[in-house]
Amino acid sequence: ELHNTMKTHLIDDMELYGVWGNNYETFIEKRGER
């Protein structure tokens, strides 16, 4: 259920949020928008 788990942390899509690519700037930008 990890995909739904991460939504409870306001991380809706780990690909879009740069998690799988380890892209820190993208992660901060997308989580900030959320």
Full PDB file with SEQRES, HELIX, SHEET, SSBOND, CRYST1, ORIGX, SCALE, CONECT and MASTER records, all heavy atoms in Angstrom:
SEQRES   1 A   34  GLU LEU HIS ASN THR MET LYS THR HIS LEU ILE ASP ASP          
SEQRES   2 A   34  MET GLU LEU TYR GLY VAL TRP GLY ASN ASN TYR GLU THR          
SEQRES   3 A   34  PHE ILE GLU LYS ARG GLY GLU ARG                              
HELIX    1 AA1 LEU A    2  LYS A    7  1                                   6    
HELIX    2 AA2 TYR A   24  GLU A   33  1                                  10    
CRYST1    1.000    1.000    1.000  90.00  90.00  90.00 P 1           1          
ORIGX1      1.000000  0.000000  0.000000        0.00000                         
ORIGX2      0.000000  1.000000  0.000000        0.00000                         
ORIGX3      0.000000  0.000000  1.000000        0.00000                         
SCALE1      1.000000  0.000000  0.000000        0.00000                         
SCALE2      0.000000  1.000000  0.000000        0.00000                         
SCALE3      0.000000  0.000000  1.000000        0.00000                         
ATOM      1  N   GLU A   1       0.822  -1.212   0.000  1.00  0.00           N  
ATOM      2  CA  GLU A   1       0.000   0.000   0.000  1.00  0.00           C  
ATOM      3  C   GLU A   1       0.859   1.265   0.000  1.00  0.00           C  
ATOM      4  O   GLU A   1       0.372   2.350   0.318  1.00  0.00           O  
ATOM      5  CB  GLU A   1      -0.908   0.013   1.240  1.00  0.00           C  
ATOM      6  CG  GLU A   1      -1.928  -1.097   1.286  1.00  0.00           C  
ATOM      7  CD  GLU A   1      -2.998  -0.910   0.214  1.00  0.00           C  
ATOM      8  OE1 GLU A   1      -3.372   0.256  -0.063  1.00  0.00           O  
ATOM      9  OE2 GLU A   1      -3.441  -1.922  -0.337  1.00  0.00           O  
ATOM     10  N   LEU A   2       2.130   1.133  -0.387  1.00  0.00           N  
ATOM     11  CA  LEU A   2       3.055   2.265  -0.240  1.00  0.00           C  
ATOM     12  C   LEU A   2       2.569   3.523  -0.975  1.00  0.00           C  
ATOM     13  O   LEU A   2       2.724   4.635  -0.464  1.00  0.00           O  
ATOM     14  CB  LEU A   2       4.457   1.887  -0.725  1.00  0.00           C  
ATOM     15  CG  LEU A   2       5.533   2.959  -0.493  1.00  0.00           C  
ATOM     16  CD1 LEU A   2       5.722   3.220   0.992  1.00  0.00           C  
ATOM     17  CD2 LEU A   2       6.868   2.556  -1.138  1.00  0.00           C  
ATOM     18  N   HIS A   3       1.962   3.355  -2.139  1.00  0.00           N  
ATOM     19  CA  HIS A   3       1.479   4.519  -2.895  1.00  0.00           C  
ATOM     20  C   HIS A   3       0.475   5.325  -2.061  1.00  0.00           C  
ATOM     21  O   HIS A   3       0.566   6.555  -1.969  1.00  0.00           O  
ATOM     22  CB  HIS A   3       0.827   4.063  -4.212  1.00  0.00           C  
ATOM     23  CG  HIS A   3       0.220   5.187  -4.999  1.00  0.00           C  
ATOM     24  ND1 HIS A   3       0.983   6.156  -5.632  1.00  0.00           N  
ATOM     25  CD2 HIS A   3      -1.085   5.511  -5.232  1.00  0.00           C  
ATOM     26  CE1 HIS A   3       0.175   7.025  -6.221  1.00  0.00           C  
ATOM     27  NE2 HIS A   3      -1.081   6.655  -6.001  1.00  0.00           N  
ATOM     28  N   ASN A   4      -0.468   4.615  -1.415  1.00  0.00           N  
ATOM     29  CA  ASN A   4      -1.446   5.301  -0.567  1.00  0.00           C  
ATOM     30  C   ASN A   4      -0.810   5.807   0.725  1.00  0.00           C  
ATOM     31  O   ASN A   4      -1.200   6.847   1.252  1.00  0.00           O  
ATOM     32  CB  ASN A   4      -2.611   4.362  -0.241  1.00  0.00           C  
ATOM     33  CG  ASN A   4      -3.460   4.071  -1.457  1.00  0.00           C  
ATOM     34  OD1 ASN A   4      -3.629   4.926  -2.319  1.00  0.00           O  
ATOM     35  ND2 ASN A   4      -3.968   2.848  -1.559  1.00  0.00           N  
ATOM     36  N   THR A   5       0.172   5.050   1.230  1.00  0.00           N  
ATOM     37  CA  THR A   5       0.908   5.485   2.424  1.00  0.00           C  
ATOM     38  C   THR A   5       1.514   6.863   2.205  1.00  0.00           C  
ATOM     39  O   THR A   5       1.402   7.760   3.041  1.00  0.00           O  
ATOM     40  CB  THR A   5       2.027   4.482   2.770  1.00  0.00           C  
ATOM     41  OG1 THR A   5       1.465   3.218   3.093  1.00  0.00           O  
ATOM     42  CG2 THR A   5       2.869   4.984   3.944  1.00  0.00           C  
ATOM     43  N   MET A   6       2.161   7.049   1.044  1.00  0.00           N  
ATOM     44  CA  MET A   6       2.876   8.299   0.796  1.00  0.00           C  
ATOM     45  C   MET A   6       1.929   9.493   0.632  1.00  0.00           C  
ATOM     46  O   MET A   6       2.307  10.630   0.914  1.00  0.00           O  
ATOM     47  CB  MET A   6       3.773   8.165  -0.442  1.00  0.00           C  
ATOM     48  CG  MET A   6       4.840   7.080  -0.294  1.00  0.00           C  
ATOM     49  SD  MET A   6       5.684   7.104   1.317  1.00  0.00           S  
ATOM     50  CE  MET A   6       6.546   8.663   1.230  1.00  0.00           C  
ATOM     51  N   LYS A   7       0.694   9.228   0.230  1.00  0.00           N  
ATOM     52  CA  LYS A   7      -0.278  10.321   0.153  1.00  0.00           C  
ATOM     53  C   LYS A   7      -0.561  10.903   1.532  1.00  0.00           C  
ATOM     54  O   LYS A   7      -0.880  12.090   1.654  1.00  0.00           O  
ATOM     55  CB  LYS A   7      -1.578   9.823  -0.483  1.00  0.00           C  
ATOM     56  CG  LYS A   7      -1.468   9.599  -1.986  1.00  0.00           C  
ATOM     57  CD  LYS A   7      -2.815   9.217  -2.585  1.00  0.00           C  
ATOM     58  CE  LYS A   7      -2.700   9.085  -4.097  1.00  0.00           C  
ATOM     59  NZ  LYS A   7      -4.001   8.730  -4.730  1.00  0.00           N  
ATOM     60  N   THR A   8      -0.446  10.065   2.581  1.00  0.00           N  
ATOM     61  CA  THR A   8      -0.651  10.579   3.940  1.00  0.00           C  
ATOM     62  C   THR A   8       0.509  11.464   4.389  1.00  0.00           C  
ATOM     63  O   THR A   8       0.437  12.095   5.447  1.00  0.00           O  
ATOM     64  CB  THR A   8      -0.842   9.432   4.963  1.00  0.00           C  
ATOM     65  OG1 THR A   8       0.396   8.711   5.130  1.00  0.00           O  
ATOM     66  CG2 THR A   8      -1.935   8.470   4.532  1.00  0.00           C  
ATOM     67  N   HIS A   9       1.577  11.499   3.586  1.00  0.00           N  
ATOM     68  CA  HIS A   9       2.719  12.390   3.856  1.00  0.00           C  
ATOM     69  C   HIS A   9       2.747  13.552   2.856  1.00  0.00           C  
ATOM     70  O   HIS A   9       3.767  14.247   2.752  1.00  0.00           O  
ATOM     71  CB  HIS A   9       4.029  11.601   3.763  1.00  0.00           C  
ATOM     72  CG  HIS A   9       4.179  10.560   4.836  1.00  0.00           C  
ATOM     73  ND1 HIS A   9       4.722  10.834   6.064  1.00  0.00           N  
ATOM     74  CD2 HIS A   9       3.830   9.248   4.850  1.00  0.00           C  
ATOM     75  CE1 HIS A   9       4.715   9.729   6.810  1.00  0.00           C  
ATOM     76  NE2 HIS A   9       4.177   8.751   6.097  1.00  0.00           N  
ATOM     77  N   LEU A  10       1.627  13.746   2.140  1.00  0.00           N  
ATOM     78  CA  LEU A  10       1.540  14.778   1.100  1.00  0.00           C  
ATOM     79  C   LEU A  10       2.606  14.586   0.024  1.00  0.00           C  
ATOM     80  O   LEU A  10       3.211  15.546  -0.472  1.00  0.00           O  
ATOM     81  CB  LEU A  10       1.620  16.184   1.714  1.00  0.00           C  
ATOM     82  CG  LEU A  10       0.477  16.544   2.684  1.00  0.00           C  
ATOM     83  CD1 LEU A  10       0.641  17.963   3.197  1.00  0.00           C  
ATOM     84  CD2 LEU A  10      -0.877  16.377   2.023  1.00  0.00           C  
ATOM     85  N   ILE A  11       2.872  13.326  -0.314  1.00  0.00           N  
ATOM     86  CA  ILE A  11       3.746  12.946  -1.423  1.00  0.00           C  
ATOM     87  C   ILE A  11       2.869  12.062  -2.319  1.00  0.00           C  
ATOM     88  O   ILE A  11       2.757  10.856  -2.106  1.00  0.00           O  
ATOM     89  CB  ILE A  11       5.002  12.191  -0.933  1.00  0.00           C  
ATOM     90  CG1 ILE A  11       5.783  13.072   0.065  1.00  0.00           C  
ATOM     91  CG2 ILE A  11       5.899  11.795  -2.109  1.00  0.00           C  
ATOM     92  CD1 ILE A  11       6.918  12.355   0.776  1.00  0.00           C  
ATOM     93  N   ASP A  12       2.221  12.684  -3.288  1.00  0.00           N  
ATOM     94  CA  ASP A  12       1.148  11.999  -4.009  1.00  0.00           C  
ATOM     95  C   ASP A  12       1.633  11.019  -5.072  1.00  0.00           C  
ATOM     96  O   ASP A  12       0.944  10.036  -5.358  1.00  0.00           O  
ATOM     97  CB  ASP A  12       0.239  13.044  -4.676  1.00  0.00           C  
ATOM     98  CG  ASP A  12      -0.584  13.812  -3.654  1.00  0.00           C  
ATOM     99  OD1 ASP A  12      -0.606  13.403  -2.488  1.00  0.00           O  
ATOM    100  OD2 ASP A  12      -1.196  14.836  -4.028  1.00  0.00           O  
ATOM    101  N   ASP A  13       2.770  11.295  -5.663  1.00  0.00           N  
ATOM    102  CA  ASP A  13       3.251  10.454  -6.759  1.00  0.00           C  
ATOM    103  C   ASP A  13       4.775  10.478  -6.720  1.00  0.00           C  
ATOM    104  O   ASP A  13       5.404  11.506  -7.012  1.00  0.00           O  
ATOM    105  CB  ASP A  13       2.728  11.004  -8.097  1.00  0.00           C  
ATOM    106  CG  ASP A  13       3.099  10.124  -9.282  1.00  0.00           C  
ATOM    107  OD1 ASP A  13       4.253   9.666  -9.350  1.00  0.00           O  
ATOM    108  OD2 ASP A  13       2.220   9.911 -10.147  1.00  0.00           O  
ATOM    109  N   MET A  14       5.369   9.361  -6.336  1.00  0.00           N  
ATOM    110  CA  MET A  14       6.821   9.359  -6.117  1.00  0.00           C  
ATOM    111  C   MET A  14       7.607   9.584  -7.401  1.00  0.00           C  
ATOM    112  O   MET A  14       8.726  10.096  -7.357  1.00  0.00           O  
ATOM    113  CB  MET A  14       7.243   8.081  -5.410  1.00  0.00           C  
ATOM    114  CG  MET A  14       6.831   8.088  -3.935  1.00  0.00           C  
ATOM    115  SD  MET A  14       7.594   6.815  -2.937  1.00  0.00           S  
ATOM    116  CE  MET A  14       6.628   5.395  -3.419  1.00  0.00           C  
ATOM    117  N   GLU A  15       7.047   9.223  -8.529  1.00  0.00           N  
ATOM    118  CA  GLU A  15       7.721   9.500  -9.809  1.00  0.00           C  
ATOM    119  C   GLU A  15       7.678  10.995 -10.104  1.00  0.00           C  
ATOM    120  O   GLU A  15       8.709  11.628 -10.374  1.00  0.00           O  
ATOM    121  CB  GLU A  15       7.035   8.721 -10.931  1.00  0.00           C  
ATOM    122  CG  GLU A  15       7.669   8.925 -12.308  1.00  0.00           C  
ATOM    123  CD  GLU A  15       9.068   8.319 -12.396  1.00  0.00           C  
ATOM    124  OE1 GLU A  15       9.288   7.204 -11.875  1.00  0.00           O  
ATOM    125  OE2 GLU A  15       9.962   8.989 -12.959  1.00  0.00           O  
ATOM    126  N   LEU A  16       6.472  11.560 -10.019  1.00  0.00           N  
ATOM    127  CA  LEU A  16       6.282  12.979 -10.305  1.00  0.00           C  
ATOM    128  C   LEU A  16       7.033  13.856  -9.314  1.00  0.00           C  
ATOM    129  O   LEU A  16       7.524  14.931  -9.666  1.00  0.00           O  
ATOM    130  CB  LEU A  16       4.785  13.310 -10.281  1.00  0.00           C  
ATOM    131  CG  LEU A  16       4.381  14.732 -10.659  1.00  0.00           C  
ATOM    132  CD1 LEU A  16       4.749  15.023 -12.112  1.00  0.00           C  
ATOM    133  CD2 LEU A  16       2.883  14.921 -10.446  1.00  0.00           C  
ATOM    134  N   TYR A  17       7.142  13.387  -8.074  1.00  0.00           N  
ATOM    135  CA  TYR A  17       7.800  14.173  -7.018  1.00  0.00           C  
ATOM    136  C   TYR A  17       9.319  13.989  -7.007  1.00  0.00           C  
ATOM    137  O   TYR A  17       9.994  14.477  -6.108  1.00  0.00           O  
ATOM    138  CB  TYR A  17       7.232  13.798  -5.648  1.00  0.00           C  
ATOM    139  CG  TYR A  17       5.910  14.473  -5.307  1.00  0.00           C  
ATOM    140  CD1 TYR A  17       4.825  14.419  -6.184  1.00  0.00           C  
ATOM    141  CD2 TYR A  17       5.735  15.164  -4.124  1.00  0.00           C  
ATOM    142  CE1 TYR A  17       3.620  15.023  -5.875  1.00  0.00           C  
ATOM    143  CE2 TYR A  17       4.528  15.778  -3.801  1.00  0.00           C  
ATOM    144  CZ  TYR A  17       3.473  15.705  -4.692  1.00  0.00           C  
ATOM    145  OH  TYR A  17       2.268  16.302  -4.393  1.00  0.00           O  
ATOM    146  N   GLY A  18       9.864  13.279  -7.960  1.00  0.00           N  
ATOM    147  CA  GLY A  18      11.317  13.132  -8.075  1.00  0.00           C  
ATOM    148  C   GLY A  18      11.934  12.147  -7.112  1.00  0.00           C  
ATOM    149  O   GLY A  18      13.163  12.138  -6.948  1.00  0.00           O  
ATOM    150  N   VAL A  19      11.124  11.291  -6.479  1.00  0.00           N  
ATOM    151  CA  VAL A  19      11.670  10.362  -5.480  1.00  0.00           C  
ATOM    152  C   VAL A  19      12.507   9.277  -6.150  1.00  0.00           C  
ATOM    153  O   VAL A  19      13.652   9.034  -5.769  1.00  0.00           O  
ATOM    154  CB  VAL A  19      10.543   9.732  -4.644  1.00  0.00           C  
ATOM    155  CG1 VAL A  19      11.104   8.679  -3.690  1.00  0.00           C  
ATOM    156  CG2 VAL A  19       9.802  10.817  -3.868  1.00  0.00           C  
ATOM    157  N   TRP A  20      11.930   8.634  -7.178  1.00  0.00           N  
ATOM    158  CA  TRP A  20      12.672   7.523  -7.805  1.00  0.00           C  
ATOM    159  C   TRP A  20      13.929   8.029  -8.510  1.00  0.00           C  
ATOM    160  O   TRP A  20      14.930   7.294  -8.577  1.00  0.00           O  
ATOM    161  CB  TRP A  20      11.784   6.779  -8.788  1.00  0.00           C  
ATOM    162  CG  TRP A  20      10.568   6.138  -8.168  1.00  0.00           C  
ATOM    163  CD1 TRP A  20       9.284   6.246  -8.582  1.00  0.00           C  
ATOM    164  CD2 TRP A  20      10.548   5.277  -7.029  1.00  0.00           C  
ATOM    165  NE1 TRP A  20       8.439   5.525  -7.786  1.00  0.00           N  
ATOM    166  CE2 TRP A  20       9.199   4.902  -6.800  1.00  0.00           C  
ATOM    167  CE3 TRP A  20      11.514   4.780  -6.165  1.00  0.00           C  
ATOM    168  CZ2 TRP A  20       8.798   4.075  -5.772  1.00  0.00           C  
ATOM    169  CZ3 TRP A  20      11.121   3.945  -5.124  1.00  0.00           C  
ATOM    170  CH2 TRP A  20       9.789   3.596  -4.924  1.00  0.00           C  
ATOM    171  N   GLY A  21      13.901   9.261  -8.978  1.00  0.00           N  
ATOM    172  CA  GLY A  21      15.086   9.814  -9.633  1.00  0.00           C  
ATOM    173  C   GLY A  21      16.006  10.553  -8.689  1.00  0.00           C  
ATOM    174  O   GLY A  21      17.004  11.150  -9.115  1.00  0.00           O  
ATOM    175  N   ASN A  22      15.679  10.563  -7.389  1.00  0.00           N  
ATOM    176  CA  ASN A  22      16.501  11.233  -6.360  1.00  0.00           C  
ATOM    177  C   ASN A  22      16.740  12.714  -6.697  1.00  0.00           C  
ATOM    178  O   ASN A  22      17.835  13.250  -6.487  1.00  0.00           O  
ATOM    179  CB  ASN A  22      17.851  10.524  -6.179  1.00  0.00           C  
ATOM    180  CG  ASN A  22      17.673   9.089  -5.733  1.00  0.00           C  
ATOM    181  OD1 ASN A  22      16.831   8.786  -4.890  1.00  0.00           O  
ATOM    182  ND2 ASN A  22      18.454   8.179  -6.317  1.00  0.00           N  
ATOM    183  N   ASN A  23      15.686  13.346  -7.206  1.00  0.00           N  
ATOM    184  CA  ASN A  23      15.794  14.752  -7.604  1.00  0.00           C  
ATOM    185  C   ASN A  23      15.249  15.624  -6.471  1.00  0.00           C  
ATOM    186  O   ASN A  23      14.041  15.790  -6.310  1.00  0.00           O  
ATOM    187  CB  ASN A  23      15.014  14.990  -8.899  1.00  0.00           C  
ATOM    188  CG  ASN A  23      15.290  16.359  -9.484  1.00  0.00           C  
ATOM    189  OD1 ASN A  23      15.399  17.351  -8.760  1.00  0.00           O  
ATOM    190  ND2 ASN A  23      15.419  16.410 -10.801  1.00  0.00           N  
ATOM    191  N   TYR A  24      16.158  16.191  -5.687  1.00  0.00           N  
ATOM    192  CA  TYR A  24      15.768  16.926  -4.480  1.00  0.00           C  
ATOM    193  C   TYR A  24      14.998  18.214  -4.819  1.00  0.00           C  
ATOM    194  O   TYR A  24      13.979  18.520  -4.196  1.00  0.00           O  
ATOM    195  CB  TYR A  24      17.017  17.265  -3.658  1.00  0.00           C  
ATOM    196  CG  TYR A  24      16.710  17.950  -2.340  1.00  0.00           C  
ATOM    197  CD1 TYR A  24      15.976  17.298  -1.359  1.00  0.00           C  
ATOM    198  CD2 TYR A  24      17.141  19.246  -2.084  1.00  0.00           C  
ATOM    199  CE1 TYR A  24      15.681  17.902  -0.136  1.00  0.00           C  
ATOM    200  CE2 TYR A  24      16.863  19.875  -0.869  1.00  0.00           C  
ATOM    201  CZ  TYR A  24      16.131  19.199   0.099  1.00  0.00           C  
ATOM    202  OH  TYR A  24      15.830  19.806   1.290  1.00  0.00           O  
ATOM    203  N   GLU A  25      15.460  18.957  -5.811  1.00  0.00           N  
ATOM    204  CA  GLU A  25      14.800  20.217  -6.176  1.00  0.00           C  
ATOM    205  C   GLU A  25      13.357  19.958  -6.623  1.00  0.00           C  
ATOM    206  O   GLU A  25      12.436  20.701  -6.253  1.00  0.00           O  
ATOM    207  CB  GLU A  25      15.578  20.923  -7.294  1.00  0.00           C  
ATOM    208  CG  GLU A  25      16.971  21.389  -6.888  1.00  0.00           C  
ATOM    209  CD  GLU A  25      16.971  22.783  -6.274  1.00  0.00           C  
ATOM    210  OE1 GLU A  25      15.919  23.439  -6.293  1.00  0.00           O  
ATOM    211  OE2 GLU A  25      18.042  23.205  -5.770  1.00  0.00           O  
ATOM    212  N   THR A  26      13.167  18.896  -7.415  1.00  0.00           N  
ATOM    213  CA  THR A  26      11.816  18.562  -7.873  1.00  0.00           C  
ATOM    214  C   THR A  26      10.930  18.183  -6.687  1.00  0.00           C  
ATOM    215  O   THR A  26       9.769  18.594  -6.602  1.00  0.00           O  
ATOM    216  CB  THR A  26      11.861  17.399  -8.881  1.00  0.00           C  
ATOM    217  OG1 THR A  26      12.617  17.801 -10.029  1.00  0.00           O  
ATOM    218  CG2 THR A  26      10.459  16.979  -9.312  1.00  0.00           C  
ATOM    219  N   PHE A  27      11.496  17.400  -5.777  1.00  0.00           N  
ATOM    220  CA  PHE A  27      10.741  16.950  -4.597  1.00  0.00           C  
ATOM    221  C   PHE A  27      10.251  18.165  -3.794  1.00  0.00           C  
ATOM    222  O   PHE A  27       9.074  18.249  -3.429  1.00  0.00           O  
ATOM    223  CB  PHE A  27      11.609  16.054  -3.720  1.00  0.00           C  
ATOM    224  CG  PHE A  27      10.950  15.656  -2.431  1.00  0.00           C  
ATOM    225  CD1 PHE A  27      10.007  14.637  -2.391  1.00  0.00           C  
ATOM    226  CD2 PHE A  27      11.254  16.311  -1.239  1.00  0.00           C  
ATOM    227  CE1 PHE A  27       9.378  14.279  -1.201  1.00  0.00           C  
ATOM    228  CE2 PHE A  27      10.634  15.969  -0.044  1.00  0.00           C  
ATOM    229  CZ  PHE A  27       9.696  14.941  -0.029  1.00  0.00           C  
ATOM    230  N   ILE A  28      11.144  19.104  -3.520  1.00  0.00           N  
ATOM    231  CA  ILE A  28      10.790  20.287  -2.729  1.00  0.00           C  
ATOM    232  C   ILE A  28       9.739  21.120  -3.451  1.00  0.00           C  
ATOM    233  O   ILE A  28       8.767  21.609  -2.851  1.00  0.00           O  
ATOM    234  CB  ILE A  28      12.047  21.135  -2.421  1.00  0.00           C  
ATOM    235  CG1 ILE A  28      13.001  20.373  -1.479  1.00  0.00           C  
ATOM    236  CG2 ILE A  28      11.656  22.475  -1.802  1.00  0.00           C  
ATOM    237  CD1 ILE A  28      12.436  20.067  -0.112  1.00  0.00           C  
ATOM    238  N   GLU A  29       9.892  21.276  -4.749  1.00  0.00           N  
ATOM    239  CA  GLU A  29       8.945  22.069  -5.538  1.00  0.00           C  
ATOM    240  C   GLU A  29       7.550  21.446  -5.492  1.00  0.00           C  
ATOM    241  O   GLU A  29       6.558  22.129  -5.199  1.00  0.00           O  
ATOM    242  CB  GLU A  29       9.437  22.146  -6.996  1.00  0.00           C  
ATOM    243  CG  GLU A  29       8.561  22.982  -7.913  1.00  0.00           C  
ATOM    244  CD  GLU A  29       8.887  24.462  -7.874  1.00  0.00           C  
ATOM    245  OE1 GLU A  29       9.969  24.828  -7.357  1.00  0.00           O  
ATOM    246  OE2 GLU A  29       8.048  25.260  -8.343  1.00  0.00           O  
ATOM    247  N   LYS A  30       7.460  20.147  -5.776  1.00  0.00           N  
ATOM    248  CA  LYS A  30       6.150  19.492  -5.870  1.00  0.00           C  
ATOM    249  C   LYS A  30       5.501  19.350  -4.492  1.00  0.00           C  
ATOM    250  O   LYS A  30       4.292  19.549  -4.351  1.00  0.00           O  
ATOM    251  CB  LYS A  30       6.292  18.113  -6.526  1.00  0.00           C  
ATOM    252  CG  LYS A  30       6.862  18.125  -7.926  1.00  0.00           C  
ATOM    253  CD  LYS A  30       6.090  19.031  -8.870  1.00  0.00           C  
ATOM    254  CE  LYS A  30       4.706  18.503  -9.207  1.00  0.00           C  
ATOM    255  NZ  LYS A  30       4.003  19.352 -10.196  1.00  0.00           N  
ATOM    256  N   ARG A  31       6.291  19.014  -3.496  1.00  0.00           N  
ATOM    257  CA  ARG A  31       5.689  18.892  -2.161  1.00  0.00           C  
ATOM    258  C   ARG A  31       5.265  20.271  -1.647  1.00  0.00           C  
ATOM    259  O   ARG A  31       4.246  20.406  -0.960  1.00  0.00           O  
ATOM    260  CB  ARG A  31       6.654  18.236  -1.176  1.00  0.00           C  
ATOM    261  CG  ARG A  31       5.918  17.715   0.077  1.00  0.00           C  
ATOM    262  CD  ARG A  31       6.806  16.914   0.974  1.00  0.00           C  
ATOM    263  NE  ARG A  31       6.038  16.245   2.023  1.00  0.00           N  
ATOM    264  CZ  ARG A  31       6.397  16.204   3.304  1.00  0.00           C  
ATOM    265  NH1 ARG A  31       7.502  16.808   3.705  1.00  0.00           N  
ATOM    266  NH2 ARG A  31       5.664  15.563   4.182  1.00  0.00           N  
ATOM    267  N   GLY A  32       6.033  21.288  -1.974  1.00  0.00           N  
ATOM    268  CA  GLY A  32       5.665  22.647  -1.580  1.00  0.00           C  
ATOM    269  C   GLY A  32       4.348  23.057  -2.196  1.00  0.00           C  
ATOM    270  O   GLY A  32       3.505  23.688  -1.530  1.00  0.00           O  
ATOM    271  N   GLU A  33       4.137  22.724  -3.459  1.00  0.00           N  
ATOM    272  CA  GLU A  33       2.868  23.046  -4.120  1.00  0.00           C  
ATOM    273  C   GLU A  33       1.710  22.344  -3.427  1.00  0.00           C  
ATOM    274  O   GLU A  33       0.634  22.923  -3.240  1.00  0.00           O  
ATOM    275  CB  GLU A  33       2.924  22.627  -5.595  1.00  0.00           C  
ATOM    276  CG  GLU A  33       3.858  23.487  -6.441  1.00  0.00           C  
ATOM    277  CD  GLU A  33       4.022  22.946  -7.856  1.00  0.00           C  
ATOM    278  OE1 GLU A  33       3.452  21.859  -8.159  1.00  0.00           O  
ATOM    279  OE2 GLU A  33       4.730  23.593  -8.664  1.00  0.00           O  
ATOM    280  N   ARG A  34       1.942  21.089  -3.035  1.00  0.00           N  
ATOM    281  CA  ARG A  34       0.887  20.303  -2.377  1.00  0.00           C  
ATOM    282  C   ARG A  34       0.554  20.882  -0.999  1.00  0.00           C  
ATOM    283  O   ARG A  34      -0.616  20.998  -0.618  1.00  0.00           O  
ATOM    284  CB  ARG A  34       1.362  18.846  -2.233  1.00  0.00           C  
ATOM    285  CG  ARG A  34       0.351  17.920  -1.615  1.00  0.00           C  
ATOM    286  CD  ARG A  34      -0.757  17.594  -2.598  1.00  0.00           C  
ATOM    287  NE  ARG A  34      -1.719  16.680  -1.999  1.00  0.00           N  
ATOM    288  CZ  ARG A  34      -2.761  17.075  -1.281  1.00  0.00           C  
ATOM    289  NH1 ARG A  34      -2.986  18.369  -1.086  1.00  0.00           N  
ATOM    290  NH2 ARG A  34      -3.592  16.195  -0.772  1.00  0.00           N  
TER     291      ARG A  34                                                      
MASTER        0    0    0    2    0    0    0    6  290    1    0    3          
END                                                                             
